[in-house]
Amino acid sequence: MQEKETIIISLGGAIVVPDMPNPEFIKDFKKIILEWVEKGKRFVIIVGGGKTCRRYNEALSKVIEATSEDLDWMGIYSTQLNAQLVRLAFGKDTSGQIVIDPRDVTKFNDDIIIGAGWQPGCSTDTDAVLVAKELNAKKIVNLSNIDYVYDSDPKTNSTAKKFENLTWKEYRSFISSKWTPGSNTPFDPIASEMAEKDGMEVAFMSGSNLEGLNNYLKGEAFTGTTIKN
């Protein structure tokens, strides 16, 4: 029997909970994932914190002089809340618990596995890379609230340049080399360094256009950015 291909998805919290939880996105996302499971794919979906994380971090910072580690832990717990929302939405089609430690992913045999943040010092992008390493996967899908990777924030810079293809060296040249809790970097610097070293490919696309995910899984052209060596 042929082993199922495992797809790693870093699912941005900003599309799961853009302001309030987004049930319409979760329904559409669930439908596509289940269709591909029927076709023989297997998924590990690592869920981010998004606005939930930022709101809790802002609240904490108004109460105490929060350290980076404090803010990271707050963010980690918010990813776990978001991940439980996604896991429960999939019901019996996924594992009965979320994966927190990436090293535990090999203990699960489910076709759909939901994960969340683990340790301070990085975002869930790094957890997605660590899971990929555990499963010897070389491709990660990054679903977020942006359509392409840009060289600066297009919301504040009207001349921001978008890319369809980048090398890791090119991408890392215009992002910070240090992790900052709550940062909006498309793929965090820790994850990027690891992905480059391991020769991984990351496909960035918007969660508001799930047809792009469908196209990518079919091996067709999609709207978004591919980063690889």
C-alpha atoms as a PDB file:
ATOM      1  CA  MET A   1       0.000   0.000   0.000  1.00  0.00           C
ATOM      2  CA  GLN A   2       1.412   3.378  -1.021  1.00  0.00           C
ATOM      3  CA  GLU A   3       2.149   5.751   1.864  1.00  0.00           C
ATOM      4  CA  LYS A   4      -0.021   8.866   1.893  1.00  0.00           C
ATOM      5  CA  GLU A   5       1.610  12.181   1.088  1.00  0.00           C
ATOM      6  CA  THR A   6       1.553  14.438   4.151  1.00  0.00           C
ATOM      7  CA  ILE A   7       0.919  18.138   3.599  1.00  0.00           C
ATOM      8  CA  ILE A   8       2.017  20.560   6.332  1.00  0.00           C
ATOM      9  CA  ILE A   9      -0.099  23.703   6.631  1.00  0.00           C
ATOM     10  CA  SER A  10       0.860  26.725   8.718  1.00  0.00           C
ATOM     11  CA  LEU A  11      -2.609  28.214   9.177  1.00  0.00           C
ATOM     12  CA  GLY A  12      -2.483  31.866  10.162  1.00  0.00           C
ATOM     13  CA  GLY A  13      -4.550  32.865  13.167  1.00  0.00           C
ATOM     14  CA  ALA A  14      -5.462  36.066  11.314  1.00  0.00           C
ATOM     15  CA  ILE A  15      -7.785  34.108   9.022  1.00  0.00           C
ATOM     16  CA  VAL A  16      -9.155  31.765  11.695  1.00  0.00           C
ATOM     17  CA  VAL A  17      -9.890  34.701  14.011  1.00  0.00           C
ATOM     18  CA  PRO A  18      -9.494  37.937  11.974  1.00  0.00           C
ATOM     19  CA  ASP A  19     -11.431  39.913  14.591  1.00  0.00           C
ATOM     20  CA  MET A  20     -13.949  37.400  15.830  1.00  0.00           C
ATOM     21  CA  PRO A  21     -13.826  33.660  15.039  1.00  0.00           C
ATOM     22  CA  ASN A  22     -14.500  33.114  11.321  1.00  0.00           C
ATOM     23  CA  PRO A  23     -16.886  30.139  10.952  1.00  0.00           C
ATOM     24  CA  GLU A  24     -17.353  30.668   7.193  1.00  0.00           C
ATOM     25  CA  PHE A  25     -13.636  30.273   6.540  1.00  0.00           C
ATOM     26  CA  ILE A  26     -13.438  27.222   8.809  1.00  0.00           C
ATOM     27  CA  LYS A  27     -16.372  25.571   6.967  1.00  0.00           C
ATOM     28  CA  ASP A  28     -14.795  26.188   3.549  1.00  0.00           C
ATOM     29  CA  PHE A  29     -11.346  25.104   4.720  1.00  0.00           C
ATOM     30  CA  LYS A  30     -12.750  21.943   6.297  1.00  0.00           C
ATOM     31  CA  LYS A  31     -14.582  21.046   3.068  1.00  0.00           C
ATOM     32  CA  ILE A  32     -11.424  21.303   0.960  1.00  0.00           C
ATOM     33  CA  ILE A  33      -9.273  19.371   3.424  1.00  0.00           C
ATOM     34  CA  LEU A  34     -11.824  16.537   3.665  1.00  0.00           C
ATOM     35  CA  GLU A  35     -12.061  16.351  -0.135  1.00  0.00           C
ATOM     36  CA  TRP A  36      -8.280  15.929  -0.370  1.00  0.00           C
ATOM     37  CA  VAL A  37      -8.235  13.344   2.404  1.00  0.00           C
ATOM     38  CA  GLU A  38     -10.695  11.363   0.267  1.00  0.00           C
ATOM     39  CA  LYS A  39      -8.144  11.606  -2.561  1.00  0.00           C
ATOM     40  CA  GLY A  40      -5.434  10.111  -0.369  1.00  0.00           C
ATOM     41  CA  LYS A  41      -3.693  13.116   1.192  1.00  0.00           C
ATOM     42  CA  ARG A  42      -2.842  13.511   4.875  1.00  0.00           C
ATOM     43  CA  PHE A  43      -2.603  16.872   6.653  1.00  0.00           C
ATOM     44  CA  VAL A  44      -0.892  18.353   9.680  1.00  0.00           C
ATOM     45  CA  ILE A  45      -2.338  21.819  10.319  1.00  0.00           C
ATOM     46  CA  ILE A  46      -0.483  24.118  12.720  1.00  0.00           C
ATOM     47  CA  VAL A  47      -2.725  26.990  13.817  1.00  0.00           C
ATOM     48  CA  GLY A  48      -1.431  30.468  14.690  1.00  0.00           C
ATOM     49  CA  GLY A  49      -2.585  33.056  17.219  1.00  0.00           C
ATOM     50  CA  GLY A  50      -3.488  36.042  15.036  1.00  0.00           C
ATOM     51  CA  LYS A  51      -5.448  38.871  16.572  1.00  0.00           C
ATOM     52  CA  THR A  52      -6.303  36.721  19.601  1.00  0.00           C
ATOM     53  CA  CYS A  53      -2.595  36.675  20.431  1.00  0.00           C
ATOM     54  CA  ARG A  54      -2.122  40.409  19.831  1.00  0.00           C
ATOM     55  CA  ARG A  55      -5.106  41.409  21.947  1.00  0.00           C
ATOM     56  CA  TYR A  56      -3.982  39.310  24.896  1.00  0.00           C
ATOM     57  CA  ASN A  57      -0.421  40.566  24.543  1.00  0.00           C
ATOM     58  CA  GLU A  58      -1.657  44.168  24.525  1.00  0.00           C
ATOM     59  CA  ALA A  59      -3.743  43.516  27.642  1.00  0.00           C
ATOM     60  CA  LEU A  60      -0.872  41.839  29.468  1.00  0.00           C
ATOM     61  CA  SER A  61       1.495  44.695  28.580  1.00  0.00           C
ATOM     62  CA  LYS A  62      -0.918  47.182  30.152  1.00  0.00           C
ATOM     63  CA  VAL A  63      -0.816  45.269  33.443  1.00  0.00           C
ATOM     64  CA  ILE A  64       2.881  44.404  33.746  1.00  0.00           C
ATOM     65  CA  GLU A  65       6.164  45.171  32.025  1.00  0.00           C
ATOM     66  CA  ALA A  66       5.898  41.964  30.012  1.00  0.00           C
ATOM     67  CA  THR A  67       9.079  40.274  28.819  1.00  0.00           C
ATOM     68  CA  SER A  68       9.394  38.727  25.365  1.00  0.00           C
ATOM     69  CA  GLU A  69       9.036  35.322  27.010  1.00  0.00           C
ATOM     70  CA  ASP A  70       5.836  36.426  28.786  1.00  0.00           C
ATOM     71  CA  LEU A  71       4.398  37.605  25.473  1.00  0.00           C
ATOM     72  CA  ASP A  72       5.461  34.420  23.718  1.00  0.00           C
ATOM     73  CA  TRP A  73       3.728  32.257  26.323  1.00  0.00           C
ATOM     74  CA  MET A  74       0.589  34.347  26.017  1.00  0.00           C
ATOM     75  CA  GLY A  75       0.760  33.863  22.264  1.00  0.00           C
ATOM     76  CA  ILE A  76       1.345  30.118  22.601  1.00  0.00           C
ATOM     77  CA  TYR A  77      -1.789  29.708  24.709  1.00  0.00           C
ATOM     78  CA  SER A  78      -3.796  31.719  22.181  1.00  0.00           C
ATOM     79  CA  THR A  79      -2.633  29.416  19.368  1.00  0.00           C
ATOM     80  CA  GLN A  80      -3.802  26.465  21.415  1.00  0.00           C
ATOM     81  CA  LEU A  81      -7.241  28.036  21.836  1.00  0.00           C
ATOM     82  CA  ASN A  82      -7.491  28.670  18.084  1.00  0.00           C
ATOM     83  CA  ALA A  83      -6.249  25.149  17.350  1.00  0.00           C
ATOM     84  CA  GLN A  84      -8.942  23.649  19.572  1.00  0.00           C
ATOM     85  CA  LEU A  85     -11.556  25.607  17.614  1.00  0.00           C
ATOM     86  CA  VAL A  86     -10.266  24.089  14.360  1.00  0.00           C
ATOM     87  CA  ARG A  87      -9.886  20.592  15.839  1.00  0.00           C
ATOM     88  CA  LEU A  88     -13.417  20.532  17.244  1.00  0.00           C
ATOM     89  CA  ALA A  89     -14.772  21.903  13.956  1.00  0.00           C
ATOM     90  CA  PHE A  90     -13.343  18.830  12.185  1.00  0.00           C
ATOM     91  CA  GLY A  91     -14.988  16.564  14.766  1.00  0.00           C
ATOM     92  CA  LYS A  92     -14.359  12.845  14.377  1.00  0.00           C
ATOM     93  CA  ASP A  93     -12.309  13.454  11.238  1.00  0.00           C
ATOM     94  CA  THR A  94      -9.278  14.564  13.241  1.00  0.00           C
ATOM     95  CA  SER A  95      -7.267  13.483  16.258  1.00  0.00           C
ATOM     96  CA  GLY A  96      -8.766  13.718  19.733  1.00  0.00           C
ATOM     97  CA  GLN A  97      -6.132  16.193  20.889  1.00  0.00           C
ATOM     98  CA  ILE A  98      -3.886  18.874  19.451  1.00  0.00           C
ATOM     99  CA  VAL A  99      -0.161  18.384  18.933  1.00  0.00           C
ATOM    100  CA  ILE A 100       1.902  20.830  20.978  1.00  0.00           C
ATOM    101  CA  ASP A 101       5.373  19.265  20.979  1.00  0.00           C
ATOM    102  CA  PRO A 102       6.313  18.707  17.300  1.00  0.00           C
ATOM    103  CA  ARG A 103       8.233  15.579  18.293  1.00  0.00           C
ATOM    104  CA  ASP A 104       4.923  13.946  19.238  1.00  0.00           C
ATOM    105  CA  VAL A 105       3.463  14.167  15.732  1.00  0.00           C
ATOM    106  CA  THR A 106       4.779  10.720  14.805  1.00  0.00           C
ATOM    107  CA  LYS A 107       2.552   9.205  17.529  1.00  0.00           C
ATOM    108  CA  PHE A 108      -0.578  10.173  15.572  1.00  0.00           C
ATOM    109  CA  ASN A 109      -1.988   8.051  12.754  1.00  0.00           C
ATOM    110  CA  ASP A 110      -4.902  10.326  11.840  1.00  0.00           C
ATOM    111  CA  ASP A 111      -5.365  11.746   8.341  1.00  0.00           C
ATOM    112  CA  ILE A 112      -5.926  15.213   9.830  1.00  0.00           C
ATOM    113  CA  ILE A 113      -3.788  16.368  12.755  1.00  0.00           C
ATOM    114  CA  ILE A 114      -4.158  19.797  14.345  1.00  0.00           C
ATOM    115  CA  GLY A 115      -1.251  21.462  16.155  1.00  0.00           C
ATOM    116  CA  ALA A 116      -0.422  24.707  17.937  1.00  0.00           C
ATOM    117  CA  GLY A 117       2.426  26.661  19.523  1.00  0.00           C
ATOM    118  CA  TRP A 118       5.022  24.932  21.661  1.00  0.00           C
ATOM    119  CA  GLN A 119       7.929  26.961  23.057  1.00  0.00           C
ATOM    120  CA  PRO A 120       8.905  30.659  23.300  1.00  0.00           C
ATOM    121  CA  GLY A 121      11.300  32.215  20.808  1.00  0.00           C
ATOM    122  CA  CYS A 122       9.418  31.696  17.559  1.00  0.00           C
ATOM    123  CA  SER A 123       5.992  31.550  15.936  1.00  0.00           C
ATOM    124  CA  THR A 124       3.923  28.567  14.832  1.00  0.00           C
ATOM    125  CA  ASP A 125       5.773  28.792  11.489  1.00  0.00           C
ATOM    126  CA  THR A 126       8.730  27.228  13.280  1.00  0.00           C
ATOM    127  CA  ASP A 127       6.483  24.524  14.719  1.00  0.00           C
ATOM    128  CA  ALA A 128       5.323  23.751  11.172  1.00  0.00           C
ATOM    129  CA  VAL A 129       8.948  23.385  10.050  1.00  0.00           C
ATOM    130  CA  LEU A 130       9.757  21.168  13.045  1.00  0.00           C
ATOM    131  CA  VAL A 131       6.764  18.959  12.232  1.00  0.00           C
ATOM    132  CA  ALA A 132       7.905  18.776   8.605  1.00  0.00           C
ATOM    133  CA  LYS A 133      11.365  17.664   9.784  1.00  0.00           C
ATOM    134  CA  GLU A 134       9.827  14.948  11.969  1.00  0.00           C
ATOM    135  CA  LEU A 135       7.814  13.628   9.017  1.00  0.00           C
ATOM    136  CA  ASN A 136      10.543  14.141   6.381  1.00  0.00           C
ATOM    137  CA  ALA A 137       8.240  16.521   4.488  1.00  0.00           C
ATOM    138  CA  LYS A 138       9.825  19.137   2.230  1.00  0.00           C
ATOM    139  CA  LYS A 139       6.790  21.287   1.407  1.00  0.00           C
ATOM    140  CA  ILE A 140       4.761  23.611   3.638  1.00  0.00           C
ATOM    141  CA  VAL A 141       1.688  25.648   2.735  1.00  0.00           C
ATOM    142  CA  ASN A 142       1.432  28.986   4.533  1.00  0.00           C
ATOM    143  CA  LEU A 143      -2.179  30.215   4.553  1.00  0.00           C
ATOM    144  CA  SER A 144      -2.528  33.758   5.834  1.00  0.00           C
ATOM    145  CA  ASN A 145      -4.292  37.058   5.201  1.00  0.00           C
ATOM    146  CA  ILE A 146      -1.851  38.142   2.455  1.00  0.00           C
ATOM    147  CA  ASP A 147      -1.919  37.115  -1.194  1.00  0.00           C
ATOM    148  CA  TYR A 148       1.825  37.396  -1.906  1.00  0.00           C
ATOM    149  CA  VAL A 149       5.074  37.961  -0.051  1.00  0.00           C
ATOM    150  CA  TYR A 150       6.120  41.616  -0.388  1.00  0.00           C
ATOM    151  CA  ASP A 151       9.429  43.337   0.342  1.00  0.00           C
ATOM    152  CA  SER A 152       7.593  45.646   2.791  1.00  0.00           C
ATOM    153  CA  ASP A 153       4.097  46.019   4.215  1.00  0.00           C
ATOM    154  CA  PRO A 154       1.740  46.868   1.309  1.00  0.00           C
ATOM    155  CA  LYS A 155      -0.757  48.314   3.802  1.00  0.00           C
ATOM    156  CA  THR A 156       1.663  51.099   4.693  1.00  0.00           C
ATOM    157  CA  ASN A 157       3.820  51.232   1.541  1.00  0.00           C
ATOM    158  CA  SER A 158       1.988  51.686  -1.761  1.00  0.00           C
ATOM    159  CA  THR A 159       5.179  50.879  -3.679  1.00  0.00           C
ATOM    160  CA  ALA A 160       5.790  47.551  -1.921  1.00  0.00           C
ATOM    161  CA  LYS A 161       7.062  44.964  -4.394  1.00  0.00           C
ATOM    162  CA  LYS A 162       5.330  41.601  -4.578  1.00  0.00           C
ATOM    163  CA  PHE A 163       7.058  38.360  -5.525  1.00  0.00           C
ATOM    164  CA  GLU A 164       5.867  35.142  -7.124  1.00  0.00           C
ATOM    165  CA  ASN A 165       9.166  33.331  -6.595  1.00  0.00           C
ATOM    166  CA  LEU A 166      11.988  33.936  -4.125  1.00  0.00           C
ATOM    167  CA  THR A 167      15.030  32.139  -2.807  1.00  0.00           C
ATOM    168  CA  TRP A 168      15.400  31.891   0.961  1.00  0.00           C
ATOM    169  CA  LYS A 169      18.470  34.114   0.723  1.00  0.00           C
ATOM    170  CA  GLU A 170      16.441  36.804  -1.062  1.00  0.00           C
ATOM    171  CA  TYR A 171      13.544  36.539   1.375  1.00  0.00           C
ATOM    172  CA  ARG A 172      15.735  36.664   4.458  1.00  0.00           C
ATOM    173  CA  SER A 173      17.492  39.768   3.131  1.00  0.00           C
ATOM    174  CA  PHE A 174      14.437  41.946   3.784  1.00  0.00           C
ATOM    175  CA  ILE A 175      13.098  40.484   7.047  1.00  0.00           C
ATOM    176  CA  SER A 176      14.540  40.820  10.533  1.00  0.00           C
ATOM    177  CA  SER A 177      16.939  38.103  11.614  1.00  0.00           C
ATOM    178  CA  LYS A 178      15.442  38.152  15.117  1.00  0.00           C
ATOM    179  CA  TRP A 179      12.060  36.959  16.342  1.00  0.00           C
ATOM    180  CA  THR A 180       9.767  39.535  17.937  1.00  0.00           C
ATOM    181  CA  PRO A 181       6.564  38.324  19.657  1.00  0.00           C
ATOM    182  CA  GLY A 182       3.470  39.275  17.659  1.00  0.00           C
ATOM    183  CA  SER A 183       5.416  40.337  14.561  1.00  0.00           C
ATOM    184  CA  ASN A 184       3.650  40.252  11.188  1.00  0.00           C
ATOM    185  CA  THR A 185       6.498  38.712   9.170  1.00  0.00           C
ATOM    186  CA  PRO A 186       5.064  36.349   6.509  1.00  0.00           C
ATOM    187  CA  PHE A 187       7.324  33.532   7.759  1.00  0.00           C
ATOM    188  CA  ASP A 188       9.243  34.014  10.967  1.00  0.00           C
ATOM    189  CA  PRO A 189      13.073  34.341  10.831  1.00  0.00           C
ATOM    190  CA  ILE A 190      13.717  31.228  12.939  1.00  0.00           C
ATOM    191  CA  ALA A 191      11.492  29.101  10.691  1.00  0.00           C
ATOM    192  CA  SER A 192      13.027  30.653   7.572  1.00  0.00           C
ATOM    193  CA  GLU A 193      16.584  29.807   8.602  1.00  0.00           C
ATOM    194  CA  MET A 194      15.591  26.219   9.392  1.00  0.00           C
ATOM    195  CA  ALA A 195      13.631  25.813   6.145  1.00  0.00           C
ATOM    196  CA  GLU A 196      16.579  27.103   4.130  1.00  0.00           C
ATOM    197  CA  LYS A 197      19.004  24.704   5.806  1.00  0.00           C
ATOM    198  CA  ASP A 198      16.656  21.762   5.221  1.00  0.00           C
ATOM    199  CA  GLY A 199      15.921  22.670   1.604  1.00  0.00           C
ATOM    200  CA  MET A 200      12.207  23.120   2.214  1.00  0.00           C
ATOM    201  CA  GLU A 201       9.733  24.837  -0.080  1.00  0.00           C
ATOM    202  CA  VAL A 202       7.037  27.102   1.368  1.00  0.00           C
ATOM    203  CA  ALA A 203       4.044  28.211  -0.687  1.00  0.00           C
ATOM    204  CA  PHE A 204       2.390  31.401   0.554  1.00  0.00           C
ATOM    205  CA  MET A 205      -1.223  32.127  -0.353  1.00  0.00           C
ATOM    206  CA  SER A 206      -4.285  33.923   0.939  1.00  0.00           C
ATOM    207  CA  GLY A 207      -6.841  32.034   2.978  1.00  0.00           C
ATOM    208  CA  SER A 208      -9.549  34.212   1.456  1.00  0.00           C
ATOM    209  CA  ASN A 209      -9.004  32.422  -1.871  1.00  0.00           C
ATOM    210  CA  LEU A 210      -9.002  28.732  -1.083  1.00  0.00           C
ATOM    211  CA  GLU A 211      -9.071  27.886  -4.785  1.00  0.00           C
ATOM    212  CA  GLY A 212      -5.359  28.684  -4.620  1.00  0.00           C
ATOM    213  CA  LEU A 213      -4.894  25.878  -2.091  1.00  0.00           C
ATOM    214  CA  ASN A 214      -6.826  23.534  -4.363  1.00  0.00           C
ATOM    215  CA  ASN A 215      -4.656  24.476  -7.328  1.00  0.00           C
ATOM    216  CA  TYR A 216      -1.442  24.024  -5.356  1.00  0.00           C
ATOM    217  CA  LEU A 217      -2.500  20.568  -4.163  1.00  0.00           C
ATOM    218  CA  LYS A 218      -3.307  19.647  -7.786  1.00  0.00           C
ATOM    219  CA  GLY A 219       0.196  20.749  -8.784  1.00  0.00           C
ATOM    220  CA  GLU A 220      -1.144  23.676 -10.791  1.00  0.00           C
ATOM    221  CA  ALA A 221      -0.281  27.374 -10.790  1.00  0.00           C
ATOM    222  CA  PHE A 222      -1.679  29.331  -7.852  1.00  0.00           C
ATOM    223  CA  THR A 223      -1.908  32.957  -6.801  1.00  0.00           C
ATOM    224  CA  GLY A 224       0.858  33.483  -4.278  1.00  0.00           C
ATOM    225  CA  THR A 225       4.580  33.190  -3.607  1.00  0.00           C
ATOM    226  CA  THR A 226       6.904  30.210  -3.552  1.00  0.00           C
ATOM    227  CA  ILE A 227      10.130  30.368  -1.555  1.00  0.00           C
ATOM    228  CA  LYS A 228      12.809  27.717  -1.960  1.00  0.00           C
ATOM    229  CA  ASN A 229      16.590  27.420  -2.382  1.00  0.00           C
END
